[in-house]
Amino acid sequence: MEPLNNTEETPTASERAMRDFEALVQTLHFPRYRELPAIELYMDQVLTYVDDQLRPLLPEGEKLLTSSMVNNYVKQKLIPVPTQKRYGREHVALLIFICLMKRSVSIADIQRLFAMQAAASSTERAYDFFCTAAEESLRSLFCGTTSARNLSEWAIEDPSGFAFSLRIAQADELSLERKMVIAAATAIANKVYLEKCLEFASL
């Protein structure tokens, strides 16, 4: 009987954790505007929903969203005033964007970005564009590939391996507002990548 070939090394805890996270990112899907809850939500429901959507990406124990934060965003006019303490699709979409963005840029810069986007596009269109850009930016970093072939009307070029950012065909034709959204998605992806690499390296 020939001896078993044991040339393959057993993956380390760090390598297993990274592979598991890569598998999660491969199927990652942020809810698009029309997929957000059709019924208006109360505060505790909003907090739970947003946390459920984003928790897998964030460090364990990080406080993502609280009622005080939401109230402050209303005061700062980042999100509209709720109707009878209930929050609709627009509120939830903006809160998902804020929760991802505030980990990389200041609230003041988010306000400026919101103002520019509002002048150029609807919340639904801008939010859906951002979701695709964020998902595919994460996949480029963690998986070396993308799932979507297009970002709105622009083609995403296949990275064919690890890539720090998305490659968009005819990117010079993108408006400044679109370029800024892609830059925001890239910043989010790189922040998550750095955190996860450090987290898994300590295992």
N, C-alpha and C. Protein backbone atom coordinates (compact mmCIF):
# COMPACT_ATOMS: atom_id res chain seq x y z
N MET A 1 0.85 -1.20 0.00
CA MET A 1 0.00 0.00 0.00
C MET A 1 0.89 1.24 0.00
N GLU A 2 0.60 2.20 -0.91
CA GLU A 2 1.40 3.41 -0.97
C GLU A 2 1.00 4.36 0.15
N PRO A 3 1.99 5.09 0.69
CA PRO A 3 1.67 6.03 1.75
C PRO A 3 0.78 7.16 1.23
N LEU A 4 -0.04 7.70 2.13
CA LEU A 4 -0.91 8.81 1.76
C LEU A 4 -0.08 10.05 1.47
N ASN A 5 -0.52 10.81 0.50
CA ASN A 5 0.17 12.04 0.15
C ASN A 5 -0.35 13.16 1.05
N ASN A 6 0.51 13.62 1.94
CA ASN A 6 0.10 14.69 2.87
C ASN A 6 0.80 16.00 2.56
N THR A 7 1.01 16.24 1.27
CA THR A 7 1.74 17.45 0.89
C THR A 7 0.92 18.72 1.13
N GLU A 8 -0.40 18.61 1.11
CA GLU A 8 -1.23 19.80 1.34
C GLU A 8 -1.23 20.15 2.82
N GLU A 9 -0.89 21.39 3.08
CA GLU A 9 -0.84 21.85 4.45
C GLU A 9 -2.25 22.17 4.94
N THR A 10 -2.49 21.89 6.21
CA THR A 10 -3.77 22.24 6.81
C THR A 10 -3.86 23.76 6.95
N PRO A 11 -4.93 24.37 6.46
CA PRO A 11 -5.03 25.82 6.55
C PRO A 11 -5.06 26.29 8.00
N THR A 12 -4.46 27.43 8.23
CA THR A 12 -4.44 28.00 9.57
C THR A 12 -5.81 28.59 9.90
N ALA A 13 -6.01 28.93 11.17
CA ALA A 13 -7.27 29.57 11.58
C ALA A 13 -7.48 30.88 10.83
N SER A 14 -6.39 31.60 10.62
CA SER A 14 -6.45 32.87 9.88
C SER A 14 -6.90 32.64 8.44
N GLU A 15 -6.33 31.63 7.80
CA GLU A 15 -6.68 31.33 6.41
C GLU A 15 -8.12 30.85 6.29
N ARG A 16 -8.56 30.03 7.24
CA ARG A 16 -9.95 29.56 7.22
C ARG A 16 -10.92 30.71 7.40
N ALA A 17 -10.59 31.63 8.31
CA ALA A 17 -11.46 32.78 8.56
C ALA A 17 -11.57 33.65 7.32
N MET A 18 -10.44 33.85 6.64
CA MET A 18 -10.45 34.68 5.43
C MET A 18 -11.26 33.99 4.33
N ARG A 19 -11.10 32.68 4.18
CA ARG A 19 -11.87 31.96 3.16
C ARG A 19 -13.36 32.04 3.44
N ASP A 20 -13.74 31.90 4.69
CA ASP A 20 -15.16 31.99 5.05
C ASP A 20 -15.70 33.38 4.74
N PHE A 21 -14.89 34.40 5.02
CA PHE A 21 -15.36 35.76 4.76
C PHE A 21 -15.43 36.02 3.25
N GLU A 22 -14.48 35.50 2.51
CA GLU A 22 -14.52 35.63 1.06
C GLU A 22 -15.79 35.00 0.49
N ALA A 23 -16.20 33.86 1.04
CA ALA A 23 -17.43 33.20 0.60
C ALA A 23 -18.64 34.08 0.89
N LEU A 24 -18.62 34.75 2.05
CA LEU A 24 -19.71 35.66 2.40
C LEU A 24 -19.76 36.82 1.42
N VAL A 25 -18.60 37.40 1.12
CA VAL A 25 -18.55 38.55 0.22
C VAL A 25 -18.98 38.15 -1.19
N GLN A 26 -18.66 36.93 -1.58
CA GLN A 26 -19.01 36.47 -2.93
C GLN A 26 -20.50 36.55 -3.20
N THR A 27 -21.31 36.34 -2.15
CA THR A 27 -22.77 36.36 -2.32
C THR A 27 -23.41 37.59 -1.64
N LEU A 28 -22.58 38.54 -1.22
CA LEU A 28 -23.08 39.72 -0.52
C LEU A 28 -24.09 40.48 -1.38
N HIS A 29 -25.18 40.89 -0.75
CA HIS A 29 -26.20 41.66 -1.47
C HIS A 29 -26.82 42.67 -0.52
N PHE A 30 -26.57 43.95 -0.80
CA PHE A 30 -27.25 45.00 -0.06
C PHE A 30 -28.64 45.16 -0.67
N PRO A 31 -29.67 45.29 0.16
CA PRO A 31 -31.02 45.42 -0.41
C PRO A 31 -31.14 46.68 -1.26
N ARG A 32 -31.65 46.50 -2.48
CA ARG A 32 -31.88 47.66 -3.32
C ARG A 32 -33.11 48.42 -2.82
N TYR A 33 -33.29 49.61 -3.33
CA TYR A 33 -34.34 50.50 -2.80
C TYR A 33 -35.69 49.81 -2.77
N ARG A 34 -36.05 49.14 -3.85
CA ARG A 34 -37.36 48.49 -3.92
C ARG A 34 -37.44 47.23 -3.06
N GLU A 35 -36.30 46.77 -2.58
CA GLU A 35 -36.27 45.59 -1.71
C GLU A 35 -36.34 45.97 -0.23
N LEU A 36 -36.21 47.24 0.06
CA LEU A 36 -36.33 47.69 1.46
C LEU A 36 -37.76 47.52 1.92
N PRO A 37 -37.99 47.43 3.23
CA PRO A 37 -39.36 47.21 3.73
C PRO A 37 -40.36 48.20 3.15
N ALA A 38 -41.45 47.65 2.64
CA ALA A 38 -42.48 48.50 2.03
C ALA A 38 -43.30 49.23 3.08
N ILE A 39 -43.37 48.65 4.27
CA ILE A 39 -44.13 49.30 5.35
C ILE A 39 -43.19 50.19 6.15
N GLU A 40 -43.72 51.24 6.73
CA GLU A 40 -42.90 52.13 7.55
C GLU A 40 -42.56 51.45 8.87
N LEU A 41 -41.35 51.69 9.35
CA LEU A 41 -40.84 51.03 10.54
C LEU A 41 -40.72 52.00 11.70
N TYR A 42 -40.88 51.45 12.90
CA TYR A 42 -40.59 52.22 14.10
C TYR A 42 -39.10 52.12 14.40
N MET A 43 -38.63 52.98 15.30
CA MET A 43 -37.20 53.11 15.56
C MET A 43 -36.51 51.77 15.83
N ASP A 44 -37.05 50.98 16.75
CA ASP A 44 -36.38 49.72 17.10
C ASP A 44 -36.32 48.78 15.91
N GLN A 45 -37.32 48.82 15.04
CA GLN A 45 -37.32 47.99 13.84
C GLN A 45 -36.26 48.47 12.85
N VAL A 46 -36.10 49.77 12.74
CA VAL A 46 -35.08 50.34 11.86
C VAL A 46 -33.69 49.91 12.33
N LEU A 47 -33.43 50.04 13.63
CA LEU A 47 -32.12 49.68 14.18
C LEU A 47 -31.80 48.22 13.91
N THR A 48 -32.79 47.36 14.12
CA THR A 48 -32.59 45.92 13.90
C THR A 48 -32.35 45.62 12.44
N TYR A 49 -33.14 46.23 11.57
CA TYR A 49 -33.03 45.95 10.13
C TYR A 49 -31.66 46.38 9.60
N VAL A 50 -31.23 47.59 9.91
CA VAL A 50 -29.94 48.09 9.41
C VAL A 50 -28.80 47.24 9.95
N ASP A 51 -28.88 46.88 11.23
CA ASP A 51 -27.83 46.05 11.82
C ASP A 51 -27.77 44.68 11.13
N ASP A 52 -28.91 44.10 10.85
CA ASP A 52 -28.95 42.79 10.18
C ASP A 52 -28.27 42.85 8.80
N GLN A 53 -28.46 43.95 8.09
CA GLN A 53 -27.91 44.07 6.74
C GLN A 53 -26.40 44.26 6.73
N LEU A 54 -25.86 44.94 7.75
CA LEU A 54 -24.46 45.34 7.70
C LEU A 54 -23.55 44.62 8.69
N ARG A 55 -24.11 43.97 9.68
CA ARG A 55 -23.32 43.36 10.75
C ARG A 55 -22.21 42.45 10.26
N PRO A 56 -22.41 41.59 9.24
CA PRO A 56 -21.34 40.68 8.84
C PRO A 56 -20.05 41.38 8.40
N LEU A 57 -20.16 42.64 7.98
CA LEU A 57 -18.99 43.35 7.49
C LEU A 57 -18.18 44.03 8.59
N LEU A 58 -18.78 44.20 9.76
CA LEU A 58 -18.19 45.07 10.77
C LEU A 58 -17.50 44.29 11.88
N PRO A 59 -16.55 44.94 12.56
CA PRO A 59 -15.88 44.29 13.69
C PRO A 59 -16.89 43.95 14.79
N GLU A 60 -16.64 42.84 15.44
CA GLU A 60 -17.54 42.41 16.52
C GLU A 60 -17.56 43.46 17.62
N GLY A 61 -18.76 43.78 18.08
CA GLY A 61 -18.90 44.73 19.18
C GLY A 61 -19.02 46.18 18.77
N GLU A 62 -18.81 46.49 17.49
CA GLU A 62 -18.94 47.88 17.06
C GLU A 62 -20.40 48.31 17.08
N LYS A 63 -20.67 49.45 17.69
CA LYS A 63 -22.02 49.98 17.75
C LYS A 63 -22.33 50.67 16.44
N LEU A 64 -23.22 50.09 15.70
CA LEU A 64 -23.49 50.56 14.35
C LEU A 64 -24.45 51.74 14.31
N LEU A 65 -25.58 51.59 14.98
CA LEU A 65 -26.63 52.60 14.92
C LEU A 65 -27.45 52.57 16.20
N THR A 66 -27.71 53.74 16.75
CA THR A 66 -28.54 53.86 17.95
C THR A 66 -29.65 54.87 17.68
N SER A 67 -30.64 54.89 18.56
CA SER A 67 -31.73 55.85 18.41
C SER A 67 -31.20 57.28 18.50
N SER A 68 -30.21 57.51 19.36
CA SER A 68 -29.62 58.85 19.49
C SER A 68 -28.95 59.27 18.18
N MET A 69 -28.26 58.33 17.54
CA MET A 69 -27.62 58.63 16.26
C MET A 69 -28.66 59.02 15.22
N VAL A 70 -29.74 58.23 15.15
CA VAL A 70 -30.79 58.52 14.17
C VAL A 70 -31.38 59.90 14.42
N ASN A 71 -31.66 60.22 15.68
CA ASN A 71 -32.22 61.53 16.01
C ASN A 71 -31.25 62.65 15.63
N ASN A 72 -29.97 62.41 15.81
CA ASN A 72 -28.97 63.42 15.43
C ASN A 72 -28.93 63.61 13.92
N TYR A 73 -29.07 62.51 13.18
CA TYR A 73 -29.06 62.62 11.72
C TYR A 73 -30.27 63.41 11.23
N VAL A 74 -31.40 63.27 11.92
CA VAL A 74 -32.58 64.06 11.58
C VAL A 74 -32.29 65.54 11.85
N LYS A 75 -31.71 65.84 13.02
CA LYS A 75 -31.40 67.23 13.38
C LYS A 75 -30.40 67.85 12.41
N GLN A 76 -29.46 67.03 11.94
CA GLN A 76 -28.46 67.51 10.99
C GLN A 76 -28.96 67.52 9.55
N LYS A 77 -30.21 67.12 9.37
CA LYS A 77 -30.88 67.10 8.07
C LYS A 77 -30.21 66.14 7.09
N LEU A 78 -29.59 65.10 7.65
CA LEU A 78 -29.06 64.03 6.80
C LEU A 78 -30.18 63.13 6.32
N ILE A 79 -31.19 62.94 7.15
CA ILE A 79 -32.37 62.18 6.76
C ILE A 79 -33.61 63.01 7.07
N PRO A 80 -34.72 62.78 6.35
CA PRO A 80 -35.94 63.55 6.59
C PRO A 80 -36.53 63.28 7.98
N VAL A 81 -37.37 64.17 8.42
CA VAL A 81 -38.10 63.97 9.67
C VAL A 81 -39.06 62.80 9.49
N PRO A 82 -39.09 61.85 10.42
CA PRO A 82 -40.00 60.70 10.27
C PRO A 82 -41.47 61.14 10.38
N THR A 83 -42.33 60.36 9.78
CA THR A 83 -43.76 60.63 9.85
C THR A 83 -44.36 59.87 11.02
N GLN A 84 -44.80 60.60 12.03
CA GLN A 84 -45.38 59.98 13.23
C GLN A 84 -44.47 58.88 13.78
N LYS A 85 -43.17 59.22 13.87
CA LYS A 85 -42.14 58.33 14.43
C LYS A 85 -41.94 57.05 13.61
N ARG A 86 -42.34 57.10 12.35
CA ARG A 86 -42.15 55.93 11.49
C ARG A 86 -41.23 56.30 10.33
N TYR A 87 -40.43 55.31 9.91
CA TYR A 87 -39.39 55.54 8.92
C TYR A 87 -39.65 54.69 7.68
N GLY A 88 -39.60 55.34 6.52
CA GLY A 88 -39.87 54.66 5.26
C GLY A 88 -38.60 54.26 4.53
N ARG A 89 -38.77 53.88 3.27
CA ARG A 89 -37.65 53.39 2.46
C ARG A 89 -36.52 54.41 2.34
N GLU A 90 -36.88 55.66 2.12
CA GLU A 90 -35.84 56.67 1.96
C GLU A 90 -35.00 56.78 3.22
N HIS A 91 -35.64 56.77 4.38
CA HIS A 91 -34.90 56.83 5.65
C HIS A 91 -33.92 55.66 5.76
N VAL A 92 -34.42 54.46 5.50
CA VAL A 92 -33.60 53.25 5.67
C VAL A 92 -32.43 53.25 4.68
N ALA A 93 -32.70 53.63 3.43
CA ALA A 93 -31.63 53.68 2.43
C ALA A 93 -30.54 54.66 2.85
N LEU A 94 -30.94 55.83 3.30
CA LEU A 94 -29.96 56.83 3.72
C LEU A 94 -29.18 56.38 4.96
N LEU A 95 -29.85 55.69 5.87
CA LEU A 95 -29.18 55.21 7.08
C LEU A 95 -28.15 54.12 6.75
N ILE A 96 -28.47 53.23 5.82
CA ILE A 96 -27.50 52.22 5.40
C ILE A 96 -26.27 52.89 4.80
N PHE A 97 -26.50 53.88 3.96
CA PHE A 97 -25.39 54.61 3.35
C PHE A 97 -24.56 55.32 4.42
N ILE A 98 -25.22 56.01 5.34
CA ILE A 98 -24.50 56.74 6.39
C ILE A 98 -23.68 55.79 7.25
N CYS A 99 -24.27 54.66 7.64
CA CYS A 99 -23.57 53.72 8.52
C CYS A 99 -22.31 53.17 7.87
N LEU A 100 -22.34 52.95 6.57
CA LEU A 100 -21.14 52.50 5.88
C LEU A 100 -20.14 53.63 5.69
N MET A 101 -20.63 54.80 5.32
CA MET A 101 -19.75 55.91 4.98
C MET A 101 -19.06 56.54 6.20
N LYS A 102 -19.77 56.61 7.32
CA LYS A 102 -19.21 57.34 8.46
C LYS A 102 -17.97 56.67 9.04
N ARG A 103 -17.72 55.42 8.64
CA ARG A 103 -16.53 54.73 9.12
C ARG A 103 -15.29 55.18 8.36
N SER A 104 -15.49 55.92 7.26
CA SER A 104 -14.36 56.36 6.43
C SER A 104 -14.25 57.87 6.29
N VAL A 105 -15.39 58.56 6.34
CA VAL A 105 -15.37 60.02 6.16
C VAL A 105 -16.20 60.70 7.24
N SER A 106 -16.05 62.00 7.35
CA SER A 106 -16.76 62.76 8.38
C SER A 106 -18.22 62.96 8.01
N ILE A 107 -19.03 63.26 9.02
CA ILE A 107 -20.45 63.55 8.79
C ILE A 107 -20.58 64.79 7.91
N ALA A 108 -19.70 65.76 8.09
CA ALA A 108 -19.75 66.98 7.26
C ALA A 108 -19.56 66.63 5.79
N ASP A 109 -18.64 65.71 5.49
CA ASP A 109 -18.41 65.31 4.10
C ASP A 109 -19.59 64.50 3.56
N ILE A 110 -20.22 63.70 4.43
CA ILE A 110 -21.41 62.96 4.01
C ILE A 110 -22.52 63.94 3.64
N GLN A 111 -22.67 65.00 4.43
CA GLN A 111 -23.69 66.02 4.14
C GLN A 111 -23.44 66.65 2.77
N ARG A 112 -22.18 66.96 2.48
CA ARG A 112 -21.84 67.57 1.20
C ARG A 112 -22.10 66.60 0.05
N LEU A 113 -21.77 65.34 0.26
CA LEU A 113 -22.01 64.33 -0.76
C LEU A 113 -23.50 64.17 -1.01
N PHE A 114 -24.29 64.15 0.06
CA PHE A 114 -25.74 64.05 -0.08
C PHE A 114 -26.29 65.21 -0.91
N ALA A 115 -25.81 66.41 -0.62
CA ALA A 115 -26.31 67.59 -1.33
C ALA A 115 -25.99 67.50 -2.83
N MET A 116 -24.79 67.04 -3.15
CA MET A 116 -24.41 66.90 -4.56
C MET A 116 -25.24 65.82 -5.25
N GLN A 117 -25.45 64.70 -4.57
CA GLN A 117 -26.22 63.62 -5.16
C GLN A 117 -27.69 64.02 -5.36
N ALA A 118 -28.24 64.73 -4.37
CA ALA A 118 -29.65 65.15 -4.46
C ALA A 118 -29.88 66.06 -5.65
N ALA A 119 -28.87 66.87 -5.99
CA ALA A 119 -28.99 67.78 -7.12
C ALA A 119 -28.86 67.05 -8.46
N ALA A 120 -28.29 65.85 -8.43
CA ALA A 120 -28.01 65.14 -9.68
C ALA A 120 -28.91 63.94 -9.93
N SER A 121 -29.50 63.38 -8.87
CA SER A 121 -30.22 62.12 -9.04
C SER A 121 -31.22 61.92 -7.91
N SER A 122 -32.15 60.98 -8.10
CA SER A 122 -33.09 60.63 -7.04
C SER A 122 -32.38 59.77 -5.99
N THR A 123 -32.95 59.71 -4.80
CA THR A 123 -32.39 58.87 -3.74
C THR A 123 -32.33 57.42 -4.18
N GLU A 124 -33.41 56.94 -4.82
CA GLU A 124 -33.46 55.54 -5.25
C GLU A 124 -32.34 55.23 -6.23
N ARG A 125 -32.16 56.05 -7.22
CA ARG A 125 -31.16 55.80 -8.26
C ARG A 125 -29.74 55.88 -7.67
N ALA A 126 -29.49 56.90 -6.86
CA ALA A 126 -28.16 57.06 -6.26
C ALA A 126 -27.85 55.91 -5.30
N TYR A 127 -28.84 55.51 -4.51
CA TYR A 127 -28.63 54.44 -3.53
C TYR A 127 -28.35 53.11 -4.24
N ASP A 128 -29.12 52.77 -5.26
CA ASP A 128 -28.90 51.51 -5.98
C ASP A 128 -27.53 51.50 -6.66
N PHE A 129 -27.13 52.62 -7.22
CA PHE A 129 -25.81 52.74 -7.84
C PHE A 129 -24.72 52.48 -6.80
N PHE A 130 -24.88 53.09 -5.63
CA PHE A 130 -23.91 52.91 -4.54
C PHE A 130 -23.85 51.45 -4.09
N CYS A 131 -25.00 50.79 -3.95
CA CYS A 131 -25.01 49.39 -3.50
C CYS A 131 -24.21 48.50 -4.43
N THR A 132 -24.42 48.66 -5.73
CA THR A 132 -23.66 47.85 -6.69
C THR A 132 -22.18 48.16 -6.61
N ALA A 133 -21.84 49.44 -6.54
CA ALA A 133 -20.43 49.84 -6.46
C ALA A 133 -19.77 49.29 -5.21
N ALA A 134 -20.47 49.31 -4.08
CA ALA A 134 -19.90 48.80 -2.82
C ALA A 134 -19.73 47.29 -2.87
N GLU A 135 -20.74 46.58 -3.32
CA GLU A 135 -20.64 45.11 -3.42
C GLU A 135 -19.48 44.68 -4.30
N GLU A 136 -19.40 45.28 -5.48
CA GLU A 136 -18.38 44.85 -6.43
C GLU A 136 -16.98 45.31 -6.02
N SER A 137 -16.88 46.42 -5.32
CA SER A 137 -15.59 46.86 -4.79
C SER A 137 -15.09 45.86 -3.76
N LEU A 138 -15.98 45.37 -2.91
CA LEU A 138 -15.62 44.36 -1.91
C LEU A 138 -15.22 43.05 -2.59
N ARG A 139 -15.96 42.66 -3.62
CA ARG A 139 -15.63 41.41 -4.31
C ARG A 139 -14.28 41.52 -5.04
N SER A 140 -13.97 42.69 -5.59
CA SER A 140 -12.68 42.87 -6.25
C SER A 140 -11.53 42.65 -5.28
N LEU A 141 -11.70 43.17 -4.07
CA LEU A 141 -10.66 43.05 -3.06
C LEU A 141 -10.55 41.66 -2.48
N PHE A 142 -11.66 41.10 -2.07
CA PHE A 142 -11.64 39.82 -1.35
C PHE A 142 -11.63 38.61 -2.27
N CYS A 143 -12.27 38.71 -3.42
CA CYS A 143 -12.46 37.54 -4.28
C CYS A 143 -11.72 37.62 -5.60
N GLY A 144 -11.25 38.82 -5.96
CA GLY A 144 -10.54 38.96 -7.22
C GLY A 144 -11.42 38.83 -8.44
N THR A 145 -12.71 39.06 -8.25
CA THR A 145 -13.66 38.97 -9.36
C THR A 145 -14.86 39.84 -9.03
N THR A 146 -15.77 39.99 -9.97
CA THR A 146 -17.01 40.70 -9.73
C THR A 146 -18.18 39.85 -10.20
N SER A 147 -19.35 40.12 -9.65
CA SER A 147 -20.56 39.40 -10.07
C SER A 147 -21.34 40.18 -11.10
N ALA A 148 -21.48 41.48 -10.86
CA ALA A 148 -22.20 42.33 -11.81
C ALA A 148 -21.31 42.65 -12.99
N ARG A 149 -21.91 42.77 -14.14
CA ARG A 149 -21.15 43.15 -15.33
C ARG A 149 -21.30 44.62 -15.67
N ASN A 150 -22.27 45.26 -15.00
CA ASN A 150 -22.51 46.67 -15.28
C ASN A 150 -22.77 47.44 -14.00
N LEU A 151 -22.37 48.68 -14.00
CA LEU A 151 -22.68 49.63 -12.93
C LEU A 151 -23.52 50.71 -13.58
N SER A 152 -24.85 50.56 -13.43
CA SER A 152 -25.78 51.37 -14.19
C SER A 152 -25.49 51.14 -15.68
N GLU A 153 -25.22 52.20 -16.46
CA GLU A 153 -24.99 52.00 -17.89
C GLU A 153 -23.52 51.80 -18.26
N TRP A 154 -22.66 51.70 -17.26
CA TRP A 154 -21.23 51.52 -17.52
C TRP A 154 -20.80 50.09 -17.25
N ALA A 155 -19.98 49.54 -18.11
CA ALA A 155 -19.51 48.17 -17.97
C ALA A 155 -18.40 48.10 -16.92
N ILE A 156 -18.45 47.05 -16.09
CA ILE A 156 -17.38 46.78 -15.13
C ILE A 156 -16.41 45.81 -15.79
N GLU A 157 -15.15 46.18 -15.88
CA GLU A 157 -14.15 45.31 -16.47
C GLU A 157 -13.75 44.24 -15.46
N ASP A 158 -13.68 42.98 -15.92
CA ASP A 158 -13.33 41.86 -15.05
C ASP A 158 -11.91 42.05 -14.51
N PRO A 159 -11.75 42.09 -13.16
CA PRO A 159 -10.40 42.30 -12.62
C PRO A 159 -9.47 41.12 -12.83
N SER A 160 -10.01 39.90 -12.99
CA SER A 160 -9.19 38.69 -13.19
C SER A 160 -8.12 38.56 -12.12
N GLY A 161 -8.49 38.80 -10.89
CA GLY A 161 -7.55 38.70 -9.78
C GLY A 161 -7.68 39.89 -8.86
N PHE A 162 -6.95 39.85 -7.75
CA PHE A 162 -7.03 40.89 -6.73
C PHE A 162 -6.93 42.27 -7.35
N ALA A 163 -7.84 43.16 -6.95
CA ALA A 163 -7.82 44.54 -7.45
C ALA A 163 -8.22 45.49 -6.33
N PHE A 164 -7.50 46.60 -6.23
CA PHE A 164 -7.79 47.55 -5.17
C PHE A 164 -9.05 48.37 -5.44
N SER A 165 -9.46 48.46 -6.66
CA SER A 165 -10.66 49.23 -6.99
C SER A 165 -11.27 48.72 -8.29
N LEU A 166 -12.50 49.11 -8.52
CA LEU A 166 -13.19 48.70 -9.74
C LEU A 166 -12.59 49.39 -10.96
N ARG A 167 -12.60 48.66 -12.06
CA ARG A 167 -12.22 49.27 -13.34
C ARG A 167 -13.51 49.42 -14.15
N ILE A 168 -13.82 50.66 -14.49
CA ILE A 168 -15.05 50.97 -15.21
C ILE A 168 -14.71 51.35 -16.64
N ALA A 169 -15.33 50.69 -17.60
CA ALA A 169 -15.11 51.03 -19.00
C ALA A 169 -15.61 52.44 -19.26
N GLN A 170 -14.86 53.21 -20.01
CA GLN A 170 -15.20 54.59 -20.36
C GLN A 170 -15.49 55.43 -19.10
N ALA A 171 -14.64 55.23 -18.10
CA ALA A 171 -14.83 55.92 -16.82
C ALA A 171 -14.72 57.44 -16.96
N ASP A 172 -14.01 57.90 -17.99
CA ASP A 172 -13.87 59.35 -18.17
C ASP A 172 -15.19 60.01 -18.50
N GLU A 173 -16.20 59.20 -18.88
CA GLU A 173 -17.51 59.76 -19.19
C GLU A 173 -18.41 59.86 -17.96
N LEU A 174 -17.97 59.31 -16.83
CA LEU A 174 -18.76 59.39 -15.60
C LEU A 174 -18.82 60.84 -15.11
N SER A 175 -19.97 61.21 -14.56
CA SER A 175 -20.08 62.54 -13.95
C SER A 175 -19.28 62.57 -12.65
N LEU A 176 -18.97 63.76 -12.19
CA LEU A 176 -18.24 63.89 -10.93
C LEU A 176 -18.99 63.22 -9.79
N GLU A 177 -20.33 63.35 -9.79
CA GLU A 177 -21.13 62.76 -8.73
C GLU A 177 -21.00 61.24 -8.73
N ARG A 178 -21.01 60.64 -9.91
CA ARG A 178 -20.86 59.18 -10.01
C ARG A 178 -19.46 58.75 -9.56
N LYS A 179 -18.46 59.50 -9.98
CA LYS A 179 -17.09 59.18 -9.58
C LYS A 179 -16.94 59.24 -8.07
N MET A 180 -17.61 60.20 -7.44
CA MET A 180 -17.52 60.33 -5.98
C MET A 180 -18.18 59.16 -5.28
N VAL A 181 -19.29 58.66 -5.82
CA VAL A 181 -19.96 57.49 -5.23
C VAL A 181 -19.06 56.26 -5.34
N ILE A 182 -18.42 56.09 -6.50
CA ILE A 182 -17.50 54.96 -6.66
C ILE A 182 -16.31 55.10 -5.71
N ALA A 183 -15.81 56.32 -5.55
CA ALA A 183 -14.72 56.55 -4.60
C ALA A 183 -15.15 56.22 -3.18
N ALA A 184 -16.40 56.57 -2.84
CA ALA A 184 -16.94 56.25 -1.51
C ALA A 184 -17.01 54.74 -1.32
N ALA A 185 -17.49 54.03 -2.33
CA ALA A 185 -17.58 52.56 -2.26
C ALA A 185 -16.19 51.94 -2.12
N THR A 186 -15.22 52.49 -2.83
CA THR A 186 -13.85 51.99 -2.74
C THR A 186 -13.29 52.20 -1.35
N ALA A 187 -13.56 53.37 -0.76
CA ALA A 187 -13.09 53.66 0.60
C ALA A 187 -13.67 52.68 1.61
N ILE A 188 -14.96 52.39 1.47
CA ILE A 188 -15.63 51.44 2.36
C ILE A 188 -15.00 50.05 2.23
N ALA A 189 -14.80 49.61 0.99
CA ALA A 189 -14.23 48.28 0.75
C ALA A 189 -12.83 48.16 1.34
N ASN A 190 -12.01 49.18 1.14
CA ASN A 190 -10.65 49.13 1.66
C ASN A 190 -10.62 49.16 3.18
N LYS A 191 -11.54 49.88 3.79
CA LYS A 191 -11.64 49.92 5.25
C LYS A 191 -11.98 48.52 5.78
N VAL A 192 -12.97 47.88 5.17
CA VAL A 192 -13.36 46.52 5.60
C VAL A 192 -12.21 45.55 5.37
N TYR A 193 -11.55 45.66 4.24
CA TYR A 193 -10.46 44.74 3.93
C TYR A 193 -9.34 44.85 4.96
N LEU A 194 -8.94 46.06 5.27
CA LEU A 194 -7.87 46.26 6.24
C LEU A 194 -8.26 45.71 7.61
N GLU A 195 -9.50 46.00 8.04
CA GLU A 195 -9.97 45.51 9.34
C GLU A 195 -9.97 43.99 9.40
N LYS A 196 -10.48 43.38 8.35
CA LYS A 196 -10.58 41.91 8.35
C LYS A 196 -9.20 41.26 8.29
N CYS A 197 -8.30 41.81 7.53
CA CYS A 197 -6.94 41.27 7.48
C CYS A 197 -6.28 41.33 8.85
N LEU A 198 -6.44 42.44 9.55
CA LEU A 198 -5.86 42.58 10.89
C LEU A 198 -6.55 41.64 11.87
N GLU A 199 -7.89 41.54 11.75
CA GLU A 199 -8.65 40.65 12.65
C GLU A 199 -8.23 39.20 12.46
N PHE A 200 -8.15 38.75 11.23
CA PHE A 200 -7.84 37.35 10.98
C PHE A 200 -6.38 37.03 11.26
N ALA A 201 -5.50 38.01 11.09
CA ALA A 201 -4.07 37.78 11.35
C ALA A 201 -3.80 37.50 12.82
N SER A 202 -4.72 37.97 13.68
CA SER A 202 -4.53 37.78 15.12
C SER A 202 -5.05 36.44 15.62
N LEU A 203 -5.67 35.65 14.75
CA LEU A 203 -6.24 34.36 15.17
C LEU A 203 -5.15 33.32 15.40
